[in-house]
């Protein structure tokens, strides 16, 4: 999946980290550059470049933080690229359908429960690792 995401990002002129950061923004909501850096493990300079690329490609906007005017939030723009991503992901959807079609509804529900729990756990651990490295 990492290699697929890297190849997909490249079709948009982005780096793999850009694509993953955009996905993170879609899931977590608006983040400051510092929060994005802690979540991704990227340096301040790398995060600035990443945000610049995402903004120039139309994936994100920089907006003032309503709670603190000194801060800027990075906000995902999902509607700007939804149809383009959907078009590029059609082959993946088609191929994955062939993978899960043989399973019964109950089996798929069990798999979905497992994957959901796994993703939640990995996400939590990832955020905690980011917090530790920032503190330590």
N, C-alpha and C. Protein backbone atom coordinates (compact mmCIF):
# COMPACT_ATOMS: atom_id res chain seq x y z
N UNK A 1 0.83 -1.19 0.00
CA UNK A 1 0.00 0.00 0.00
C UNK A 1 0.87 1.25 0.00
N UNK A 2 2.00 1.19 0.69
CA UNK A 2 2.91 2.34 0.72
C UNK A 2 3.39 2.64 -0.70
N UNK A 3 3.78 1.61 -1.43
CA UNK A 3 4.26 1.81 -2.80
C UNK A 3 3.14 2.32 -3.71
N UNK A 4 1.93 1.80 -3.53
CA UNK A 4 0.79 2.26 -4.33
C UNK A 4 0.53 3.74 -4.06
N UNK A 5 0.51 4.12 -2.76
CA UNK A 5 0.28 5.52 -2.41
C UNK A 5 1.36 6.43 -2.96
N UNK A 6 2.62 5.95 -2.95
CA UNK A 6 3.71 6.75 -3.50
C UNK A 6 3.51 6.96 -5.00
N UNK A 7 3.12 5.90 -5.70
CA UNK A 7 2.88 6.01 -7.15
C UNK A 7 1.68 6.92 -7.43
N UNK A 8 0.62 6.80 -6.63
CA UNK A 8 -0.55 7.66 -6.80
C UNK A 8 -0.18 9.12 -6.57
N UNK A 9 0.57 9.38 -5.52
CA UNK A 9 1.01 10.76 -5.22
C UNK A 9 1.80 11.32 -6.40
N UNK A 10 2.67 10.50 -6.96
CA UNK A 10 3.51 10.94 -8.08
C UNK A 10 2.67 11.38 -9.27
N UNK A 11 1.51 10.74 -9.49
CA UNK A 11 0.66 11.14 -10.61
C UNK A 11 0.11 12.55 -10.44
N UNK A 12 0.12 13.05 -9.19
CA UNK A 12 -0.31 14.42 -8.90
C UNK A 12 0.86 15.37 -8.78
N UNK A 13 2.08 14.87 -8.99
CA UNK A 13 3.26 15.69 -8.84
C UNK A 13 3.65 15.90 -7.39
N UNK A 14 3.22 14.99 -6.53
CA UNK A 14 3.51 15.09 -5.11
C UNK A 14 4.45 13.98 -4.68
N UNK A 15 5.04 14.15 -3.51
CA UNK A 15 5.85 13.11 -2.91
C UNK A 15 4.95 12.24 -2.04
N UNK A 16 5.42 11.05 -1.71
CA UNK A 16 4.63 10.13 -0.88
C UNK A 16 4.25 10.79 0.45
N UNK A 17 5.17 11.51 1.06
CA UNK A 17 4.88 12.17 2.34
C UNK A 17 3.77 13.21 2.18
N UNK A 18 3.73 13.88 1.03
CA UNK A 18 2.69 14.87 0.77
C UNK A 18 1.32 14.19 0.77
N UNK A 19 1.24 13.07 0.07
CA UNK A 19 -0.01 12.32 -0.04
C UNK A 19 -0.47 11.85 1.34
N UNK A 20 0.45 11.32 2.12
CA UNK A 20 0.10 10.83 3.45
C UNK A 20 -0.29 11.97 4.37
N UNK A 21 0.36 13.11 4.25
CA UNK A 21 0.01 14.27 5.07
C UNK A 21 -1.39 14.76 4.71
N UNK A 22 -1.71 14.76 3.43
CA UNK A 22 -3.05 15.15 2.99
C UNK A 22 -4.08 14.19 3.57
N UNK A 23 -3.80 12.90 3.52
CA UNK A 23 -4.69 11.90 4.10
C UNK A 23 -4.87 12.15 5.60
N UNK A 24 -3.79 12.46 6.28
CA UNK A 24 -3.85 12.77 7.71
C UNK A 24 -4.75 13.98 7.97
N UNK A 25 -4.61 15.01 7.14
CA UNK A 25 -5.44 16.21 7.30
C UNK A 25 -6.91 15.90 7.05
N UNK A 26 -7.18 15.03 6.10
CA UNK A 26 -8.57 14.63 5.84
C UNK A 26 -9.16 13.92 7.06
N UNK A 27 -8.36 13.09 7.70
CA UNK A 27 -8.84 12.29 8.83
C UNK A 27 -8.87 13.08 10.13
N UNK A 28 -7.83 13.86 10.39
CA UNK A 28 -7.69 14.55 11.68
C UNK A 28 -8.33 15.93 11.68
N UNK A 29 -8.50 16.51 10.51
CA UNK A 29 -8.99 17.88 10.44
C UNK A 29 -7.82 18.85 10.39
N UNK A 30 -8.11 20.14 10.43
CA UNK A 30 -7.05 21.15 10.32
C UNK A 30 -5.99 20.98 11.42
N UNK A 31 -4.74 21.15 11.01
CA UNK A 31 -3.60 21.07 11.93
C UNK A 31 -2.67 22.24 11.68
N UNK A 32 -1.93 22.62 12.70
CA UNK A 32 -0.87 23.61 12.50
C UNK A 32 0.32 22.90 11.86
N UNK A 33 1.25 23.67 11.35
CA UNK A 33 2.45 23.08 10.76
C UNK A 33 3.21 22.27 11.81
N UNK A 34 3.25 22.77 13.03
CA UNK A 34 3.93 22.05 14.11
C UNK A 34 3.28 20.71 14.41
N UNK A 35 1.96 20.69 14.46
CA UNK A 35 1.24 19.44 14.70
C UNK A 35 1.47 18.46 13.56
N UNK A 36 1.47 18.98 12.34
CA UNK A 36 1.72 18.13 11.17
C UNK A 36 3.14 17.56 11.24
N UNK A 37 4.09 18.37 11.66
CA UNK A 37 5.46 17.90 11.81
C UNK A 37 5.59 16.81 12.85
N UNK A 38 4.94 17.01 14.00
CA UNK A 38 4.99 15.99 15.05
C UNK A 38 4.33 14.69 14.60
N UNK A 39 3.23 14.81 13.87
CA UNK A 39 2.50 13.62 13.43
C UNK A 39 3.27 12.85 12.36
N UNK A 40 4.03 13.55 11.54
CA UNK A 40 4.74 12.90 10.43
C UNK A 40 6.20 12.63 10.73
N UNK A 41 6.74 13.30 11.74
CA UNK A 41 8.16 13.14 12.05
C UNK A 41 9.06 13.96 11.15
N UNK A 42 8.49 14.88 10.38
CA UNK A 42 9.27 15.70 9.46
C UNK A 42 9.80 16.94 10.16
N UNK A 43 10.90 17.46 9.65
CA UNK A 43 11.48 18.69 10.19
C UNK A 43 10.62 19.88 9.81
N UNK A 44 10.86 21.01 10.46
CA UNK A 44 10.13 22.23 10.17
C UNK A 44 10.25 22.62 8.71
N UNK A 45 11.48 22.57 8.17
CA UNK A 45 11.70 22.91 6.77
C UNK A 45 10.98 21.97 5.82
N UNK A 46 11.02 20.68 6.14
CA UNK A 46 10.34 19.69 5.29
C UNK A 46 8.83 19.90 5.31
N UNK A 47 8.28 20.23 6.48
CA UNK A 47 6.84 20.47 6.58
C UNK A 47 6.45 21.71 5.79
N UNK A 48 7.27 22.74 5.84
CA UNK A 48 6.98 23.96 5.07
C UNK A 48 6.94 23.64 3.57
N UNK A 49 7.91 22.88 3.09
CA UNK A 49 7.92 22.48 1.68
C UNK A 49 6.72 21.62 1.33
N UNK A 50 6.38 20.70 2.21
CA UNK A 50 5.22 19.83 2.01
C UNK A 50 3.94 20.65 1.90
N UNK A 51 3.75 21.57 2.81
CA UNK A 51 2.55 22.42 2.79
C UNK A 51 2.54 23.29 1.53
N UNK A 52 3.69 23.82 1.15
CA UNK A 52 3.77 24.63 -0.08
C UNK A 52 3.34 23.81 -1.29
N UNK A 53 3.83 22.56 -1.40
CA UNK A 53 3.46 21.69 -2.53
C UNK A 53 1.97 21.38 -2.52
N UNK A 54 1.44 21.04 -1.35
CA UNK A 54 0.01 20.72 -1.25
C UNK A 54 -0.85 21.93 -1.58
N UNK A 55 -0.43 23.09 -1.13
CA UNK A 55 -1.20 24.31 -1.40
C UNK A 55 -1.15 24.67 -2.88
N UNK A 56 0.02 24.59 -3.49
CA UNK A 56 0.12 24.95 -4.91
C UNK A 56 -0.60 23.95 -5.80
N UNK A 57 -0.79 22.72 -5.32
CA UNK A 57 -1.53 21.71 -6.08
C UNK A 57 -3.03 21.77 -5.82
N UNK A 58 -3.46 22.63 -4.90
CA UNK A 58 -4.88 22.79 -4.62
C UNK A 58 -5.43 21.80 -3.61
N UNK A 59 -4.56 21.10 -2.88
CA UNK A 59 -5.01 20.12 -1.91
C UNK A 59 -5.34 20.73 -0.55
N UNK A 60 -4.66 21.83 -0.18
CA UNK A 60 -4.88 22.45 1.13
C UNK A 60 -4.90 23.96 1.01
N UNK A 61 -5.41 24.59 2.05
CA UNK A 61 -5.36 26.04 2.21
C UNK A 61 -4.71 26.33 3.56
N UNK A 62 -4.06 27.46 3.64
CA UNK A 62 -3.59 27.98 4.93
C UNK A 62 -4.63 28.98 5.40
N UNK A 63 -5.10 28.80 6.63
CA UNK A 63 -6.11 29.68 7.19
C UNK A 63 -5.71 30.10 8.59
N UNK A 64 -6.04 31.33 8.97
CA UNK A 64 -5.73 31.76 10.34
C UNK A 64 -6.50 30.91 11.35
N UNK A 65 -5.85 30.59 12.46
CA UNK A 65 -6.49 29.83 13.53
C UNK A 65 -7.42 30.78 14.27
N UNK A 66 -8.73 30.49 14.28
CA UNK A 66 -9.66 31.41 14.95
C UNK A 66 -9.42 31.51 16.46
N UNK A 67 -8.78 30.48 17.04
CA UNK A 67 -8.52 30.50 18.48
C UNK A 67 -7.23 31.24 18.84
N UNK A 68 -6.33 31.39 17.86
CA UNK A 68 -5.04 32.03 18.13
C UNK A 68 -4.55 32.65 16.82
N UNK A 69 -4.69 33.95 16.68
CA UNK A 69 -4.37 34.63 15.41
C UNK A 69 -2.91 34.52 15.02
N UNK A 70 -2.03 34.12 15.97
CA UNK A 70 -0.61 33.96 15.64
C UNK A 70 -0.35 32.68 14.87
N UNK A 71 -1.30 31.75 14.92
CA UNK A 71 -1.12 30.44 14.29
C UNK A 71 -1.85 30.36 12.96
N UNK A 72 -1.35 29.48 12.11
CA UNK A 72 -1.98 29.20 10.83
C UNK A 72 -2.34 27.73 10.80
N UNK A 73 -3.56 27.45 10.37
CA UNK A 73 -4.00 26.07 10.23
C UNK A 73 -3.86 25.62 8.79
N UNK A 74 -3.49 24.38 8.60
CA UNK A 74 -3.45 23.77 7.28
C UNK A 74 -4.75 22.98 7.15
N UNK A 75 -5.57 23.36 6.18
CA UNK A 75 -6.91 22.80 6.02
C UNK A 75 -7.00 22.06 4.69
N UNK A 76 -7.40 20.79 4.74
CA UNK A 76 -7.55 19.99 3.52
C UNK A 76 -8.72 20.50 2.69
N UNK A 77 -8.57 20.44 1.37
CA UNK A 77 -9.64 20.81 0.43
C UNK A 77 -10.06 19.55 -0.33
N UNK A 78 -10.85 18.69 0.28
CA UNK A 78 -11.17 17.41 -0.36
C UNK A 78 -11.93 17.54 -1.67
N UNK A 79 -12.79 18.53 -1.79
CA UNK A 79 -13.60 18.65 -3.00
C UNK A 79 -12.78 19.10 -4.20
N UNK A 80 -11.65 19.71 -3.98
CA UNK A 80 -10.83 20.20 -5.09
C UNK A 80 -10.27 19.07 -5.94
N UNK A 81 -10.09 17.89 -5.38
CA UNK A 81 -9.42 16.82 -6.11
C UNK A 81 -10.18 15.49 -6.05
N UNK A 82 -11.35 15.48 -5.45
CA UNK A 82 -12.07 14.24 -5.25
C UNK A 82 -12.29 13.47 -6.54
N UNK A 83 -12.79 14.12 -7.57
CA UNK A 83 -13.10 13.40 -8.81
C UNK A 83 -11.83 12.88 -9.48
N UNK A 84 -10.75 13.64 -9.40
CA UNK A 84 -9.49 13.21 -10.01
C UNK A 84 -8.92 12.00 -9.29
N UNK A 85 -8.95 12.02 -7.97
CA UNK A 85 -8.47 10.86 -7.21
C UNK A 85 -9.36 9.66 -7.48
N UNK A 86 -10.67 9.87 -7.48
CA UNK A 86 -11.61 8.77 -7.73
C UNK A 86 -11.32 8.12 -9.09
N UNK A 87 -11.07 8.94 -10.09
CA UNK A 87 -10.78 8.40 -11.42
C UNK A 87 -9.50 7.57 -11.41
N UNK A 88 -8.49 8.07 -10.73
CA UNK A 88 -7.21 7.38 -10.70
C UNK A 88 -7.25 6.12 -9.82
N UNK A 89 -8.21 6.07 -8.90
CA UNK A 89 -8.29 4.91 -8.01
C UNK A 89 -9.24 3.83 -8.51
N UNK A 90 -9.92 4.06 -9.61
CA UNK A 90 -10.86 3.06 -10.14
C UNK A 90 -10.22 1.69 -10.32
N UNK A 91 -9.01 1.61 -10.88
CA UNK A 91 -8.40 0.28 -11.01
C UNK A 91 -8.19 -0.42 -9.66
N UNK A 92 -7.80 0.34 -8.64
CA UNK A 92 -7.62 -0.24 -7.30
C UNK A 92 -8.94 -0.77 -6.77
N UNK A 93 -9.99 0.02 -6.89
CA UNK A 93 -11.31 -0.40 -6.41
C UNK A 93 -11.76 -1.66 -7.14
N UNK A 94 -11.58 -1.70 -8.44
CA UNK A 94 -11.98 -2.86 -9.24
C UNK A 94 -11.22 -4.12 -8.80
N UNK A 95 -9.92 -3.99 -8.62
CA UNK A 95 -9.11 -5.14 -8.23
C UNK A 95 -9.42 -5.60 -6.81
N UNK A 96 -9.63 -4.65 -5.90
CA UNK A 96 -9.95 -5.02 -4.52
C UNK A 96 -11.32 -5.69 -4.43
N UNK A 97 -12.24 -5.26 -5.26
CA UNK A 97 -13.56 -5.91 -5.28
C UNK A 97 -13.40 -7.39 -5.59
N UNK A 98 -12.50 -7.73 -6.50
CA UNK A 98 -12.26 -9.14 -6.83
C UNK A 98 -11.67 -9.88 -5.63
N UNK A 99 -10.95 -9.16 -4.77
CA UNK A 99 -10.37 -9.79 -3.57
C UNK A 99 -11.46 -10.07 -2.54
N UNK A 100 -12.36 -9.11 -2.30
CA UNK A 100 -13.33 -9.31 -1.22
C UNK A 100 -14.64 -9.95 -1.66
N UNK A 101 -14.93 -10.04 -2.94
CA UNK A 101 -16.18 -10.65 -3.41
C UNK A 101 -16.41 -12.07 -2.90
N UNK A 102 -15.38 -12.92 -2.78
CA UNK A 102 -15.64 -14.30 -2.33
C UNK A 102 -16.10 -14.42 -0.87
N UNK A 103 -15.94 -13.34 -0.07
CA UNK A 103 -16.27 -13.41 1.35
C UNK A 103 -17.75 -13.14 1.60
N UNK A 104 -18.32 -13.82 2.60
CA UNK A 104 -19.71 -13.58 3.01
C UNK A 104 -19.76 -12.31 3.86
N UNK A 105 -20.96 -11.77 4.02
CA UNK A 105 -21.15 -10.52 4.76
C UNK A 105 -20.59 -10.61 6.18
N UNK A 106 -20.84 -11.71 6.87
CA UNK A 106 -20.32 -11.87 8.23
C UNK A 106 -18.80 -11.89 8.28
N UNK A 107 -18.20 -12.54 7.30
CA UNK A 107 -16.74 -12.58 7.24
C UNK A 107 -16.17 -11.18 6.98
N UNK A 108 -16.81 -10.45 6.10
CA UNK A 108 -16.36 -9.08 5.82
C UNK A 108 -16.53 -8.20 7.04
N UNK A 109 -17.62 -8.38 7.79
CA UNK A 109 -17.83 -7.59 9.00
C UNK A 109 -16.72 -7.86 10.01
N UNK A 110 -16.32 -9.12 10.15
CA UNK A 110 -15.24 -9.47 11.06
C UNK A 110 -13.92 -8.84 10.59
N UNK A 111 -13.65 -8.93 9.29
CA UNK A 111 -12.43 -8.32 8.76
C UNK A 111 -12.44 -6.81 8.95
N UNK A 112 -13.57 -6.18 8.70
CA UNK A 112 -13.68 -4.73 8.87
C UNK A 112 -13.45 -4.34 10.33
N UNK A 113 -14.02 -5.10 11.25
CA UNK A 113 -13.82 -4.82 12.67
C UNK A 113 -12.33 -4.92 13.01
N UNK A 114 -11.67 -5.96 12.54
CA UNK A 114 -10.25 -6.15 12.81
C UNK A 114 -9.43 -4.99 12.24
N UNK A 115 -9.66 -4.66 10.97
CA UNK A 115 -8.88 -3.60 10.32
C UNK A 115 -9.15 -2.25 10.99
N UNK A 116 -10.39 -1.99 11.37
CA UNK A 116 -10.72 -0.73 12.04
C UNK A 116 -9.99 -0.61 13.37
N UNK A 117 -9.99 -1.68 14.14
CA UNK A 117 -9.30 -1.67 15.43
C UNK A 117 -7.80 -1.52 15.24
N UNK A 118 -7.28 -2.20 14.23
CA UNK A 118 -5.85 -2.17 13.92
C UNK A 118 -5.44 -0.75 13.53
N UNK A 119 -6.23 -0.11 12.67
CA UNK A 119 -5.92 1.25 12.23
C UNK A 119 -6.01 2.24 13.39
N UNK A 120 -7.02 2.10 14.23
CA UNK A 120 -7.16 2.98 15.39
C UNK A 120 -5.96 2.84 16.32
N UNK A 121 -5.53 1.60 16.55
CA UNK A 121 -4.38 1.35 17.41
C UNK A 121 -3.11 1.94 16.81
N UNK A 122 -2.88 1.70 15.52
CA UNK A 122 -1.70 2.25 14.86
C UNK A 122 -1.70 3.77 14.88
N UNK A 123 -2.85 4.36 14.65
CA UNK A 123 -2.97 5.82 14.66
C UNK A 123 -2.63 6.36 16.05
N UNK A 124 -3.17 5.74 17.07
CA UNK A 124 -2.90 6.17 18.43
C UNK A 124 -1.41 6.04 18.77
N UNK A 125 -0.83 4.92 18.40
CA UNK A 125 0.59 4.71 18.67
C UNK A 125 1.45 5.70 17.89
N UNK A 126 1.07 5.99 16.67
CA UNK A 126 1.81 6.95 15.86
C UNK A 126 1.80 8.33 16.51
N UNK A 127 0.63 8.78 16.96
CA UNK A 127 0.53 10.08 17.61
C UNK A 127 1.36 10.10 18.88
N UNK A 128 1.32 8.99 19.65
CA UNK A 128 2.10 8.95 20.90
C UNK A 128 3.59 8.97 20.62
N UNK A 129 4.03 8.29 19.56
CA UNK A 129 5.44 8.33 19.21
C UNK A 129 5.86 9.76 18.84
N UNK A 130 5.02 10.44 18.11
CA UNK A 130 5.29 11.83 17.75
C UNK A 130 5.38 12.70 18.98
N UNK A 131 4.49 12.48 19.95
CA UNK A 131 4.52 13.26 21.19
C UNK A 131 5.79 12.98 21.97
N UNK A 132 6.22 11.73 22.01
CA UNK A 132 7.43 11.37 22.75
C UNK A 132 8.66 12.01 22.14
N UNK A 133 8.74 11.96 20.80
CA UNK A 133 9.94 12.52 20.16
C UNK A 133 9.99 14.03 20.33
N UNK A 134 8.84 14.68 20.37
CA UNK A 134 8.81 16.12 20.58
C UNK A 134 9.21 16.47 22.00
N UNK A 135 8.85 15.61 22.96
CA UNK A 135 9.15 15.88 24.36
C UNK A 135 10.54 15.43 24.76
N UNK A 136 11.09 14.47 23.99
CA UNK A 136 12.27 13.83 24.49
C UNK A 136 13.55 14.19 23.93
